[in-house]
């Protein structure tokens, strides 16, 4: 059976990477869908309040939702860029991709905490650490695939490999640096996070 798998592996390499991208796209779509449930829950919990009160509550949550949506989009784009040059796959890459998807699926949870406790230093810190973990998982995927041209196109230069690594590292670096700001001025962290938009 293992010999059969190895014999079929080369023929199925492209199909395997396409399937990994497909499930990642689907799981990202699920995460984006659940991001909005925080706002929906706010509307449902304020049905006994006036429209103005409910609207104020929704408007207060929109910036965090929009920023989280952009982050998930940036992670998806980075994943897409990486898999455009990955030519082969193996079980290790599959499991690394599952770990990345797990980080993506955690996004609505930490977004909800951030929205529910906007002044909490702990919720802001957890939100930042979630972005660091997600970004680093992308970097690990790229490092594994590119090391010795293991799974990528052999024509890629060392400069291009380092460039892809730098692109994957930008977001986690920004959020790691923001931890120092969170510890002193929790309310200023969001302004530092806007550097992600500039970087992308």
N, C-alpha and C. Protein backbone atom coordinates (compact mmCIF):
# COMPACT_ATOMS: atom_id res chain seq x y z
N UNK A 1 0.84 -1.21 0.00
CA UNK A 1 0.00 0.00 0.00
C UNK A 1 0.87 1.25 0.00
N UNK A 2 1.92 1.26 0.83
CA UNK A 2 2.80 2.42 0.88
C UNK A 2 3.54 2.60 -0.44
N UNK A 3 3.93 1.47 -1.07
CA UNK A 3 4.60 1.54 -2.37
C UNK A 3 3.66 2.12 -3.41
N UNK A 4 2.39 1.73 -3.36
CA UNK A 4 1.38 2.25 -4.28
C UNK A 4 1.22 3.76 -4.08
N UNK A 5 1.21 4.19 -2.81
CA UNK A 5 1.05 5.61 -2.52
C UNK A 5 2.22 6.40 -3.10
N UNK A 6 3.46 5.88 -2.90
CA UNK A 6 4.64 6.59 -3.42
C UNK A 6 4.61 6.64 -4.94
N UNK A 7 4.10 5.58 -5.56
CA UNK A 7 4.04 5.54 -7.01
C UNK A 7 3.04 6.56 -7.54
N UNK A 8 1.93 6.71 -6.82
CA UNK A 8 0.89 7.64 -7.25
C UNK A 8 1.18 9.06 -6.83
N UNK A 9 2.11 9.26 -5.90
CA UNK A 9 2.29 10.57 -5.29
C UNK A 9 2.65 11.63 -6.32
N UNK A 10 3.56 11.31 -7.24
CA UNK A 10 3.99 12.31 -8.21
C UNK A 10 2.83 12.74 -9.10
N UNK A 11 2.02 11.80 -9.51
CA UNK A 11 0.89 12.13 -10.38
C UNK A 11 -0.15 12.97 -9.67
N UNK A 12 -0.25 12.80 -8.35
CA UNK A 12 -1.29 13.50 -7.59
C UNK A 12 -0.79 14.75 -6.88
N UNK A 13 0.47 15.15 -7.14
CA UNK A 13 1.05 16.26 -6.39
C UNK A 13 0.27 17.55 -6.60
N UNK A 14 -0.01 17.87 -7.86
CA UNK A 14 -0.73 19.10 -8.15
C UNK A 14 -2.13 19.06 -7.56
N UNK A 15 -2.81 17.93 -7.70
CA UNK A 15 -4.15 17.78 -7.15
C UNK A 15 -4.16 17.97 -5.64
N UNK A 16 -3.11 17.47 -4.96
CA UNK A 16 -3.03 17.61 -3.52
C UNK A 16 -2.89 19.04 -3.07
N UNK A 17 -2.06 19.83 -3.74
CA UNK A 17 -1.89 21.24 -3.36
C UNK A 17 -3.15 22.04 -3.66
N UNK A 18 -3.82 21.69 -4.76
CA UNK A 18 -5.09 22.37 -5.09
C UNK A 18 -6.12 22.09 -4.01
N UNK A 19 -6.18 20.86 -3.53
CA UNK A 19 -7.15 20.51 -2.49
C UNK A 19 -6.83 21.23 -1.18
N UNK A 20 -5.54 21.38 -0.86
CA UNK A 20 -5.15 22.11 0.34
C UNK A 20 -5.58 23.57 0.25
N UNK A 21 -5.37 24.17 -0.92
CA UNK A 21 -5.81 25.56 -1.12
C UNK A 21 -7.32 25.67 -1.03
N UNK A 22 -8.01 24.67 -1.57
CA UNK A 22 -9.47 24.70 -1.57
C UNK A 22 -10.04 24.65 -0.16
N UNK A 23 -9.52 23.73 0.67
CA UNK A 23 -10.05 23.64 2.03
C UNK A 23 -9.66 24.86 2.85
N UNK A 24 -8.49 25.44 2.57
CA UNK A 24 -8.09 26.66 3.26
C UNK A 24 -9.01 27.81 2.89
N UNK A 25 -9.36 27.91 1.60
CA UNK A 25 -10.30 28.94 1.15
C UNK A 25 -11.64 28.79 1.87
N UNK A 26 -12.11 27.55 1.97
CA UNK A 26 -13.41 27.30 2.60
C UNK A 26 -13.39 27.64 4.09
N UNK A 27 -12.31 27.25 4.77
CA UNK A 27 -12.21 27.52 6.20
C UNK A 27 -12.05 29.01 6.47
N UNK A 28 -11.35 29.71 5.58
CA UNK A 28 -11.22 31.16 5.71
C UNK A 28 -12.58 31.82 5.55
N UNK A 29 -13.36 31.33 4.60
CA UNK A 29 -14.71 31.87 4.40
C UNK A 29 -15.57 31.65 5.65
N UNK A 30 -15.42 30.49 6.29
CA UNK A 30 -16.16 30.20 7.53
C UNK A 30 -15.75 31.19 8.62
N UNK A 31 -14.43 31.41 8.76
CA UNK A 31 -13.94 32.34 9.79
C UNK A 31 -14.48 33.75 9.55
N UNK A 32 -14.48 34.19 8.30
CA UNK A 32 -15.01 35.52 7.97
C UNK A 32 -16.50 35.61 8.31
N UNK A 33 -17.22 34.54 8.03
CA UNK A 33 -18.66 34.51 8.33
C UNK A 33 -18.90 34.64 9.83
N UNK A 34 -18.11 33.91 10.63
CA UNK A 34 -18.30 33.95 12.08
C UNK A 34 -17.82 35.27 12.70
N UNK A 35 -16.96 36.00 12.00
CA UNK A 35 -16.53 37.31 12.52
C UNK A 35 -17.73 38.24 12.71
N UNK A 36 -18.67 38.18 11.79
CA UNK A 36 -19.82 39.09 11.83
C UNK A 36 -20.82 38.70 12.91
N UNK A 37 -20.73 37.48 13.43
CA UNK A 37 -21.72 37.05 14.43
C UNK A 37 -21.62 37.86 15.71
N UNK A 38 -20.44 38.45 15.98
CA UNK A 38 -20.31 39.29 17.17
C UNK A 38 -21.24 40.49 17.07
N UNK A 39 -21.29 41.11 15.90
CA UNK A 39 -22.17 42.26 15.69
C UNK A 39 -23.63 41.81 15.70
N UNK A 40 -23.89 40.67 15.08
CA UNK A 40 -25.26 40.14 15.08
C UNK A 40 -25.73 39.89 16.51
N UNK A 41 -24.86 39.32 17.34
CA UNK A 41 -25.21 39.05 18.73
C UNK A 41 -25.49 40.35 19.49
N UNK A 42 -24.75 41.39 19.17
CA UNK A 42 -24.99 42.69 19.81
C UNK A 42 -26.37 43.22 19.48
N UNK A 43 -26.76 43.09 18.22
CA UNK A 43 -28.10 43.54 17.80
C UNK A 43 -29.18 42.74 18.54
N UNK A 44 -29.00 41.42 18.60
CA UNK A 44 -30.00 40.57 19.26
C UNK A 44 -30.09 40.84 20.75
N UNK A 45 -28.96 41.15 21.37
CA UNK A 45 -28.97 41.38 22.82
C UNK A 45 -29.50 42.77 23.18
N UNK A 46 -29.65 43.64 22.17
CA UNK A 46 -30.13 44.99 22.45
C UNK A 46 -31.53 45.24 21.88
N UNK A 47 -32.28 44.17 21.69
CA UNK A 47 -33.62 44.33 21.10
C UNK A 47 -34.57 45.11 22.00
N UNK A 48 -34.26 45.11 23.31
CA UNK A 48 -35.12 45.86 24.24
C UNK A 48 -34.69 47.31 24.38
N UNK A 49 -33.56 47.65 23.75
CA UNK A 49 -33.05 49.02 23.82
C UNK A 49 -33.58 49.83 22.64
N UNK A 50 -33.35 51.13 22.71
CA UNK A 50 -33.76 51.99 21.60
C UNK A 50 -32.86 51.73 20.38
N UNK A 51 -33.36 52.13 19.21
CA UNK A 51 -32.59 51.94 17.99
C UNK A 51 -31.25 52.69 18.06
N UNK A 52 -31.27 53.89 18.62
CA UNK A 52 -30.05 54.71 18.71
C UNK A 52 -29.00 54.01 19.57
N UNK A 53 -29.44 53.40 20.68
CA UNK A 53 -28.51 52.69 21.57
C UNK A 53 -27.90 51.49 20.86
N UNK A 54 -28.74 50.74 20.16
CA UNK A 54 -28.25 49.57 19.42
C UNK A 54 -27.29 49.99 18.32
N UNK A 55 -27.65 51.06 17.62
CA UNK A 55 -26.80 51.55 16.53
C UNK A 55 -25.44 51.99 17.06
N UNK A 56 -25.43 52.68 18.20
CA UNK A 56 -24.16 53.10 18.81
C UNK A 56 -23.30 51.89 19.16
N UNK A 57 -23.93 50.85 19.68
CA UNK A 57 -23.20 49.64 20.05
C UNK A 57 -22.59 48.97 18.81
N UNK A 58 -23.36 48.92 17.73
CA UNK A 58 -22.87 48.32 16.48
C UNK A 58 -21.73 49.14 15.90
N UNK A 59 -21.90 50.47 15.89
CA UNK A 59 -20.86 51.33 15.34
C UNK A 59 -19.56 51.24 16.14
N UNK A 60 -19.68 51.00 17.44
CA UNK A 60 -18.50 50.86 18.29
C UNK A 60 -17.71 49.59 17.95
N UNK A 61 -18.43 48.57 17.46
CA UNK A 61 -17.78 47.30 17.16
C UNK A 61 -17.27 47.22 15.73
N UNK A 62 -17.78 48.04 14.84
CA UNK A 62 -17.43 47.95 13.43
C UNK A 62 -15.93 48.10 13.14
N UNK A 63 -15.21 49.05 13.79
CA UNK A 63 -13.78 49.17 13.48
C UNK A 63 -12.99 47.89 13.76
N UNK A 64 -13.29 47.23 14.89
CA UNK A 64 -12.58 45.99 15.22
C UNK A 64 -12.94 44.91 14.21
N UNK A 65 -14.23 44.83 13.85
CA UNK A 65 -14.65 43.83 12.87
C UNK A 65 -13.96 44.06 11.53
N UNK A 66 -13.96 45.30 11.06
CA UNK A 66 -13.36 45.60 9.75
C UNK A 66 -11.86 45.30 9.76
N UNK A 67 -11.19 45.64 10.87
CA UNK A 67 -9.75 45.38 10.95
C UNK A 67 -9.48 43.88 10.97
N UNK A 68 -10.28 43.14 11.72
CA UNK A 68 -10.11 41.68 11.76
C UNK A 68 -10.37 41.06 10.39
N UNK A 69 -11.36 41.59 9.69
CA UNK A 69 -11.67 41.10 8.34
C UNK A 69 -10.48 41.33 7.41
N UNK A 70 -9.87 42.51 7.51
CA UNK A 70 -8.70 42.80 6.69
C UNK A 70 -7.54 41.87 7.02
N UNK A 71 -7.34 41.60 8.32
CA UNK A 71 -6.25 40.72 8.73
C UNK A 71 -6.43 39.32 8.16
N UNK A 72 -7.64 38.79 8.29
CA UNK A 72 -7.90 37.45 7.75
C UNK A 72 -7.68 37.46 6.23
N UNK A 73 -8.09 38.54 5.59
CA UNK A 73 -7.86 38.67 4.15
C UNK A 73 -6.38 38.70 3.81
N UNK A 74 -5.59 39.43 4.61
CA UNK A 74 -4.14 39.49 4.37
C UNK A 74 -3.49 38.12 4.56
N UNK A 75 -3.92 37.40 5.59
CA UNK A 75 -3.38 36.06 5.82
C UNK A 75 -3.73 35.14 4.65
N UNK A 76 -4.95 35.27 4.16
CA UNK A 76 -5.37 34.45 3.03
C UNK A 76 -4.54 34.78 1.79
N UNK A 77 -4.29 36.08 1.55
CA UNK A 77 -3.48 36.48 0.41
C UNK A 77 -2.05 35.95 0.52
N UNK A 78 -1.49 36.01 1.73
CA UNK A 78 -0.14 35.49 1.94
C UNK A 78 -0.09 33.99 1.68
N UNK A 79 -1.11 33.28 2.17
CA UNK A 79 -1.20 31.84 1.92
C UNK A 79 -1.29 31.58 0.41
N UNK A 80 -2.08 32.38 -0.27
CA UNK A 80 -2.24 32.22 -1.72
C UNK A 80 -0.91 32.45 -2.44
N UNK A 81 -0.18 33.49 -2.05
CA UNK A 81 1.12 33.78 -2.68
C UNK A 81 2.09 32.61 -2.49
N UNK A 82 2.11 32.08 -1.27
CA UNK A 82 3.03 30.98 -0.97
C UNK A 82 2.70 29.74 -1.80
N UNK A 83 1.42 29.39 -1.85
CA UNK A 83 1.03 28.16 -2.56
C UNK A 83 1.08 28.31 -4.08
N UNK A 84 1.23 29.53 -4.57
CA UNK A 84 1.40 29.71 -6.01
C UNK A 84 2.74 29.16 -6.48
N UNK A 85 3.72 29.09 -5.56
CA UNK A 85 5.06 28.60 -5.96
C UNK A 85 5.38 27.24 -5.35
N UNK A 86 4.47 26.70 -4.55
CA UNK A 86 4.68 25.33 -4.04
C UNK A 86 4.24 24.34 -5.12
N UNK A 87 5.14 23.47 -5.49
CA UNK A 87 4.89 22.55 -6.59
C UNK A 87 4.55 21.13 -6.13
N UNK A 88 4.91 20.81 -4.90
CA UNK A 88 4.69 19.44 -4.40
C UNK A 88 4.13 19.54 -2.98
N UNK A 89 3.71 18.40 -2.45
CA UNK A 89 3.23 18.39 -1.08
C UNK A 89 3.59 17.06 -0.44
N UNK A 90 3.56 17.03 0.88
CA UNK A 90 3.72 15.78 1.62
C UNK A 90 2.87 15.89 2.89
N UNK A 91 2.89 14.86 3.71
CA UNK A 91 2.03 14.86 4.89
C UNK A 91 2.40 15.95 5.88
N UNK A 92 3.69 16.27 5.97
CA UNK A 92 4.11 17.34 6.89
C UNK A 92 3.49 18.67 6.48
N UNK A 93 3.52 18.98 5.19
CA UNK A 93 2.92 20.22 4.70
C UNK A 93 1.42 20.23 4.97
N UNK A 94 0.77 19.10 4.80
CA UNK A 94 -0.67 19.02 5.06
C UNK A 94 -0.97 19.35 6.51
N UNK A 95 -0.19 18.78 7.44
CA UNK A 95 -0.43 19.04 8.86
C UNK A 95 -0.08 20.48 9.23
N UNK A 96 0.96 21.04 8.64
CA UNK A 96 1.29 22.45 8.88
C UNK A 96 0.16 23.35 8.37
N UNK A 97 -0.43 22.97 7.26
CA UNK A 97 -1.53 23.76 6.73
C UNK A 97 -2.76 23.66 7.63
N UNK A 98 -2.98 22.49 8.23
CA UNK A 98 -4.07 22.34 9.20
C UNK A 98 -3.84 23.24 10.41
N UNK A 99 -2.58 23.34 10.86
CA UNK A 99 -2.26 24.21 12.00
C UNK A 99 -2.55 25.67 11.65
N UNK A 100 -2.23 26.06 10.41
CA UNK A 100 -2.55 27.41 9.97
C UNK A 100 -4.06 27.64 9.96
N UNK A 101 -4.81 26.67 9.45
CA UNK A 101 -6.27 26.79 9.43
C UNK A 101 -6.85 26.89 10.83
N UNK A 102 -6.24 26.18 11.79
CA UNK A 102 -6.70 26.26 13.17
C UNK A 102 -6.55 27.70 13.69
N UNK A 103 -5.42 28.32 13.37
CA UNK A 103 -5.21 29.72 13.78
C UNK A 103 -6.25 30.63 13.14
N UNK A 104 -6.56 30.39 11.87
CA UNK A 104 -7.57 31.19 11.18
C UNK A 104 -8.94 31.03 11.84
N UNK A 105 -9.27 29.79 12.22
CA UNK A 105 -10.57 29.54 12.84
C UNK A 105 -10.68 30.15 14.24
N UNK A 106 -9.55 30.42 14.89
CA UNK A 106 -9.56 31.07 16.20
C UNK A 106 -9.81 32.57 16.09
N UNK A 107 -9.70 33.13 14.90
CA UNK A 107 -9.83 34.57 14.73
C UNK A 107 -11.16 35.13 15.27
N UNK A 108 -12.32 34.50 14.96
CA UNK A 108 -13.58 35.04 15.50
C UNK A 108 -13.63 35.05 17.02
N UNK A 109 -12.98 34.08 17.66
CA UNK A 109 -13.00 34.01 19.13
C UNK A 109 -12.28 35.22 19.72
N UNK A 110 -11.07 35.48 19.24
CA UNK A 110 -10.29 36.59 19.80
C UNK A 110 -10.82 37.94 19.33
N UNK A 111 -11.47 37.96 18.18
CA UNK A 111 -12.16 39.17 17.75
C UNK A 111 -13.32 39.47 18.69
N UNK A 112 -14.06 38.42 19.06
CA UNK A 112 -15.18 38.59 19.99
C UNK A 112 -14.73 39.09 21.35
N UNK A 113 -13.60 38.55 21.85
CA UNK A 113 -13.07 39.02 23.13
C UNK A 113 -12.66 40.48 23.06
N UNK A 114 -12.03 40.84 21.95
CA UNK A 114 -11.57 42.22 21.77
C UNK A 114 -12.75 43.19 21.73
N UNK A 115 -13.83 42.76 21.04
CA UNK A 115 -15.02 43.60 20.94
C UNK A 115 -15.74 43.70 22.28
N UNK A 116 -15.84 42.58 22.99
CA UNK A 116 -16.59 42.54 24.25
C UNK A 116 -15.86 43.26 25.39
N UNK A 117 -14.52 43.24 25.34
CA UNK A 117 -13.73 43.87 26.40
C UNK A 117 -12.69 44.80 25.78
N UNK A 118 -13.15 45.90 25.19
CA UNK A 118 -12.24 46.79 24.42
C UNK A 118 -11.17 47.46 25.27
N UNK A 119 -11.43 47.64 26.56
CA UNK A 119 -10.44 48.30 27.42
C UNK A 119 -9.56 47.31 28.18
N UNK A 120 -9.81 46.02 27.99
CA UNK A 120 -9.06 45.00 28.70
C UNK A 120 -7.68 44.80 28.06
N UNK A 121 -6.66 44.94 28.89
CA UNK A 121 -5.29 44.70 28.40
C UNK A 121 -5.10 43.25 28.00
N UNK A 122 -5.72 42.34 28.75
CA UNK A 122 -5.59 40.91 28.46
C UNK A 122 -6.21 40.55 27.12
N UNK A 123 -7.40 41.07 26.83
CA UNK A 123 -8.05 40.76 25.55
C UNK A 123 -7.26 41.32 24.37
N UNK A 124 -6.69 42.50 24.55
CA UNK A 124 -5.86 43.10 23.49
C UNK A 124 -4.59 42.29 23.28
N UNK A 125 -4.00 41.84 24.38
CA UNK A 125 -2.78 41.04 24.31
C UNK A 125 -3.05 39.70 23.62
N UNK A 126 -4.17 39.06 23.97
CA UNK A 126 -4.53 37.78 23.34
C UNK A 126 -4.80 37.97 21.84
N UNK A 127 -5.43 39.08 21.49
CA UNK A 127 -5.70 39.38 20.09
C UNK A 127 -4.40 39.51 19.31
N UNK A 128 -3.44 40.23 19.89
CA UNK A 128 -2.14 40.41 19.24
C UNK A 128 -1.40 39.07 19.11
N UNK A 129 -1.43 38.28 20.16
CA UNK A 129 -0.74 36.98 20.13
C UNK A 129 -1.36 36.04 19.10
N UNK A 130 -2.68 36.14 18.90
CA UNK A 130 -3.34 35.34 17.88
C UNK A 130 -2.82 35.69 16.48
N UNK A 131 -2.61 36.99 16.24
CA UNK A 131 -2.09 37.40 14.94
C UNK A 131 -0.64 36.96 14.77
N UNK A 132 0.12 37.01 15.84
CA UNK A 132 1.51 36.54 15.79
C UNK A 132 1.55 35.06 15.44
N UNK A 133 0.71 34.27 16.13
CA UNK A 133 0.69 32.81 15.90
C UNK A 133 0.28 32.50 14.46
N UNK A 134 -0.73 33.19 13.95
CA UNK A 134 -1.20 32.94 12.58
C UNK A 134 -0.12 33.28 11.56
N UNK A 135 0.51 34.44 11.75
CA UNK A 135 1.57 34.85 10.83
C UNK A 135 2.78 33.93 10.88
N UNK A 136 3.14 33.49 12.08
CA UNK A 136 4.29 32.60 12.21
C UNK A 136 4.02 31.23 11.59
N UNK A 137 2.76 30.79 11.63
CA UNK A 137 2.43 29.51 11.00
C UNK A 137 2.65 29.60 9.49
N UNK A 138 2.31 30.74 8.90
CA UNK A 138 2.59 30.92 7.48
C UNK A 138 4.08 30.87 7.21
N UNK A 139 4.85 31.50 8.10
CA UNK A 139 6.30 31.50 7.94
C UNK A 139 6.86 30.08 8.06
N UNK A 140 6.33 29.30 8.99
CA UNK A 140 6.78 27.91 9.16
C UNK A 140 6.47 27.10 7.90
N UNK A 141 5.27 27.30 7.34
CA UNK A 141 4.91 26.61 6.10
C UNK A 141 5.90 26.95 4.99
N UNK A 142 6.21 28.24 4.86
CA UNK A 142 7.14 28.66 3.81
C UNK A 142 8.55 28.13 4.08
N UNK A 143 8.99 28.21 5.31
CA UNK A 143 10.34 27.72 5.65
C UNK A 143 10.46 26.24 5.33
N UNK A 144 9.43 25.46 5.68
CA UNK A 144 9.49 24.03 5.42
C UNK A 144 9.49 23.74 3.92
N UNK A 145 8.62 24.43 3.18
CA UNK A 145 8.50 24.16 1.74
C UNK A 145 9.74 24.63 0.98
N UNK A 146 10.34 25.75 1.42
CA UNK A 146 11.44 26.35 0.66
C UNK A 146 12.81 25.81 1.06
N UNK A 147 12.92 25.22 2.24
CA UNK A 147 14.22 24.73 2.71
C UNK A 147 14.78 23.70 1.74
N UNK A 148 15.91 24.03 1.14
CA UNK A 148 16.51 23.14 0.15
C UNK A 148 15.63 22.93 -1.07
N UNK A 149 14.75 23.90 -1.36
CA UNK A 149 13.77 23.78 -2.46
C UNK A 149 12.97 22.48 -2.33
N UNK A 150 12.63 22.15 -1.08
CA UNK A 150 11.96 20.86 -0.81
C UNK A 150 10.67 20.69 -1.61
N UNK A 151 9.82 21.73 -1.58
CA UNK A 151 8.51 21.59 -2.22
C UNK A 151 8.21 22.71 -3.21
N UNK A 152 9.17 23.58 -3.44
CA UNK A 152 8.92 24.73 -4.32
C UNK A 152 9.65 24.55 -5.64
N UNK A 153 9.37 25.47 -6.55
CA UNK A 153 10.02 25.45 -7.85
C UNK A 153 11.53 25.60 -7.68
N UNK A 154 12.28 24.72 -8.29
CA UNK A 154 13.74 24.71 -8.12
C UNK A 154 14.40 25.93 -8.77
N UNK A 155 13.66 26.64 -9.61
CA UNK A 155 14.23 27.82 -10.28
C UNK A 155 14.21 29.06 -9.39
N UNK A 156 13.54 29.00 -8.24
CA UNK A 156 13.48 30.17 -7.37
C UNK A 156 14.84 30.47 -6.77
N UNK A 157 15.22 31.74 -6.82
CA UNK A 157 16.51 32.16 -6.29
C UNK A 157 16.43 32.33 -4.77
N UNK A 158 17.60 32.39 -4.14
CA UNK A 158 17.63 32.60 -2.69
C UNK A 158 17.05 33.97 -2.33
N UNK A 159 17.23 34.96 -3.22
CA UNK A 159 16.64 36.29 -2.98
C UNK A 159 15.12 36.19 -2.94
N UNK A 160 14.52 35.49 -3.89
CA UNK A 160 13.07 35.34 -3.92
C UNK A 160 12.56 34.59 -2.70
N UNK A 161 13.30 33.59 -2.27
CA UNK A 161 12.91 32.82 -1.08
C UNK A 161 12.91 33.72 0.15
N UNK A 162 13.96 34.54 0.29
CA UNK A 162 14.02 35.47 1.43
C UNK A 162 12.93 36.52 1.35
N UNK A 163 12.58 36.95 0.14
CA UNK A 163 11.53 37.95 -0.03
C UNK A 163 10.18 37.40 0.44
N UNK A 164 9.87 36.16 0.06
CA UNK A 164 8.63 35.53 0.50
C UNK A 164 8.61 35.40 2.03
N UNK A 165 9.77 35.04 2.61
CA UNK A 165 9.85 34.91 4.07
C UNK A 165 9.60 36.26 4.75
N UNK A 166 10.17 37.31 4.18
CA UNK A 166 9.98 38.65 4.75
C UNK A 166 8.52 39.07 4.68
N UNK A 167 7.87 38.79 3.56
CA UNK A 167 6.45 39.13 3.44
C UNK A 167 5.62 38.41 4.49
N UNK A 168 5.95 37.15 4.74
CA UNK A 168 5.21 36.38 5.75
C UNK A 168 5.50 36.86 7.16
N UNK A 169 6.68 37.49 7.35
CA UNK A 169 7.11 37.89 8.69
C UNK A 169 6.62 39.27 9.09
N UNK A 170 6.18 40.08 8.13
CA UNK A 170 5.82 41.47 8.41
C UNK A 170 4.72 41.60 9.46
N UNK A 171 3.62 40.86 9.26
CA UNK A 171 2.48 40.99 10.18
C UNK A 171 2.83 40.52 11.59
N UNK A 172 3.42 39.32 11.78
CA UNK A 172 3.76 38.93 13.16
C UNK A 172 4.76 39.86 13.83
N UNK A 173 5.69 40.46 13.07
CA UNK A 173 6.65 41.39 13.66
C UNK A 173 5.92 42.62 14.21
N UNK A 174 4.99 43.15 13.41
CA UNK A 174 4.24 44.34 13.85
C UNK A 174 3.46 44.04 15.13
N UNK A 175 2.82 42.88 15.19
CA UNK A 175 2.03 42.55 16.37
C UNK A 175 2.92 42.19 17.56
N UNK A 176 4.08 41.61 17.32
CA UNK A 176 4.99 41.34 18.43
C UNK A 176 5.51 42.65 19.04
N UNK A 177 5.84 43.60 18.18
CA UNK A 177 6.30 44.90 18.68
C UNK A 177 5.19 45.64 19.43
N UNK A 178 3.95 45.40 19.02
CA UNK A 178 2.83 46.10 19.66
C UNK A 178 2.60 45.64 21.10
N UNK A 179 3.13 44.47 21.45
CA UNK A 179 2.94 43.96 22.82
C UNK A 179 3.53 44.93 23.83
N UNK A 180 4.67 45.55 23.49
CA UNK A 180 5.29 46.53 24.39
C UNK A 180 4.37 47.73 24.59
N UNK A 181 3.67 48.13 23.53
CA UNK A 181 2.73 49.26 23.62
C UNK A 181 1.53 48.86 24.47
N UNK A 182 1.03 47.64 24.26
CA UNK A 182 -0.14 47.17 25.01
C UNK A 182 0.13 47.19 26.51
N UNK A 183 1.33 46.83 26.91
CA UNK A 183 1.66 46.76 28.33
C UNK A 183 1.67 48.13 29.00
N UNK A 184 1.84 49.20 28.19
CA UNK A 184 1.89 50.54 28.76
C UNK A 184 0.67 51.39 28.41
N UNK A 185 0.26 51.33 27.13
CA UNK A 185 -0.91 52.10 26.69
C UNK A 185 -1.77 51.23 25.79
N UNK A 186 -2.67 50.49 26.41
CA UNK A 186 -3.52 49.54 25.69
C UNK A 186 -4.32 50.20 24.58
N UNK A 187 -4.74 51.44 24.80
CA UNK A 187 -5.60 52.12 23.85
C UNK A 187 -4.87 52.56 22.58
N UNK A 188 -3.53 52.59 22.61
CA UNK A 188 -2.77 53.04 21.45
C UNK A 188 -2.37 51.90 20.51
N UNK A 189 -2.60 50.68 20.94
CA UNK A 189 -2.15 49.52 20.15
C UNK A 189 -2.78 49.50 18.76
N UNK A 190 -4.06 49.84 18.66
CA UNK A 190 -4.76 49.78 17.38
C UNK A 190 -4.10 50.68 16.34
N UNK A 191 -3.56 51.83 16.79
CA UNK A 191 -2.92 52.75 15.86
C UNK A 191 -1.61 52.17 15.32
N UNK A 192 -0.91 51.45 16.17
CA UNK A 192 0.32 50.79 15.73
C UNK A 192 0.00 49.65 14.77
N UNK A 193 -1.11 48.97 15.02
CA UNK A 193 -1.51 47.85 14.15
C UNK A 193 -1.81 48.32 12.74
N UNK A 194 -2.17 49.59 12.57
CA UNK A 194 -2.46 50.11 11.24
C UNK A 194 -1.26 50.03 10.31
N UNK A 195 -0.07 49.85 10.88
CA UNK A 195 1.12 49.63 10.05
C UNK A 195 0.98 48.40 9.17
N UNK A 196 0.14 47.46 9.60
CA UNK A 196 -0.12 46.26 8.79
C UNK A 196 -0.67 46.67 7.43
N UNK A 197 -1.57 47.66 7.41
CA UNK A 197 -2.15 48.11 6.15
C UNK A 197 -1.08 48.69 5.24
N UNK A 198 -0.15 49.45 5.84
CA UNK A 198 0.95 50.03 5.07
C UNK A 198 1.87 48.94 4.54
N UNK A 199 2.17 47.97 5.41
CA UNK A 199 3.09 46.88 5.03
C UNK A 199 2.51 46.06 3.88
N UNK A 200 1.21 45.81 3.94
CA UNK A 200 0.60 44.98 2.89
C UNK A 200 0.39 45.79 1.61
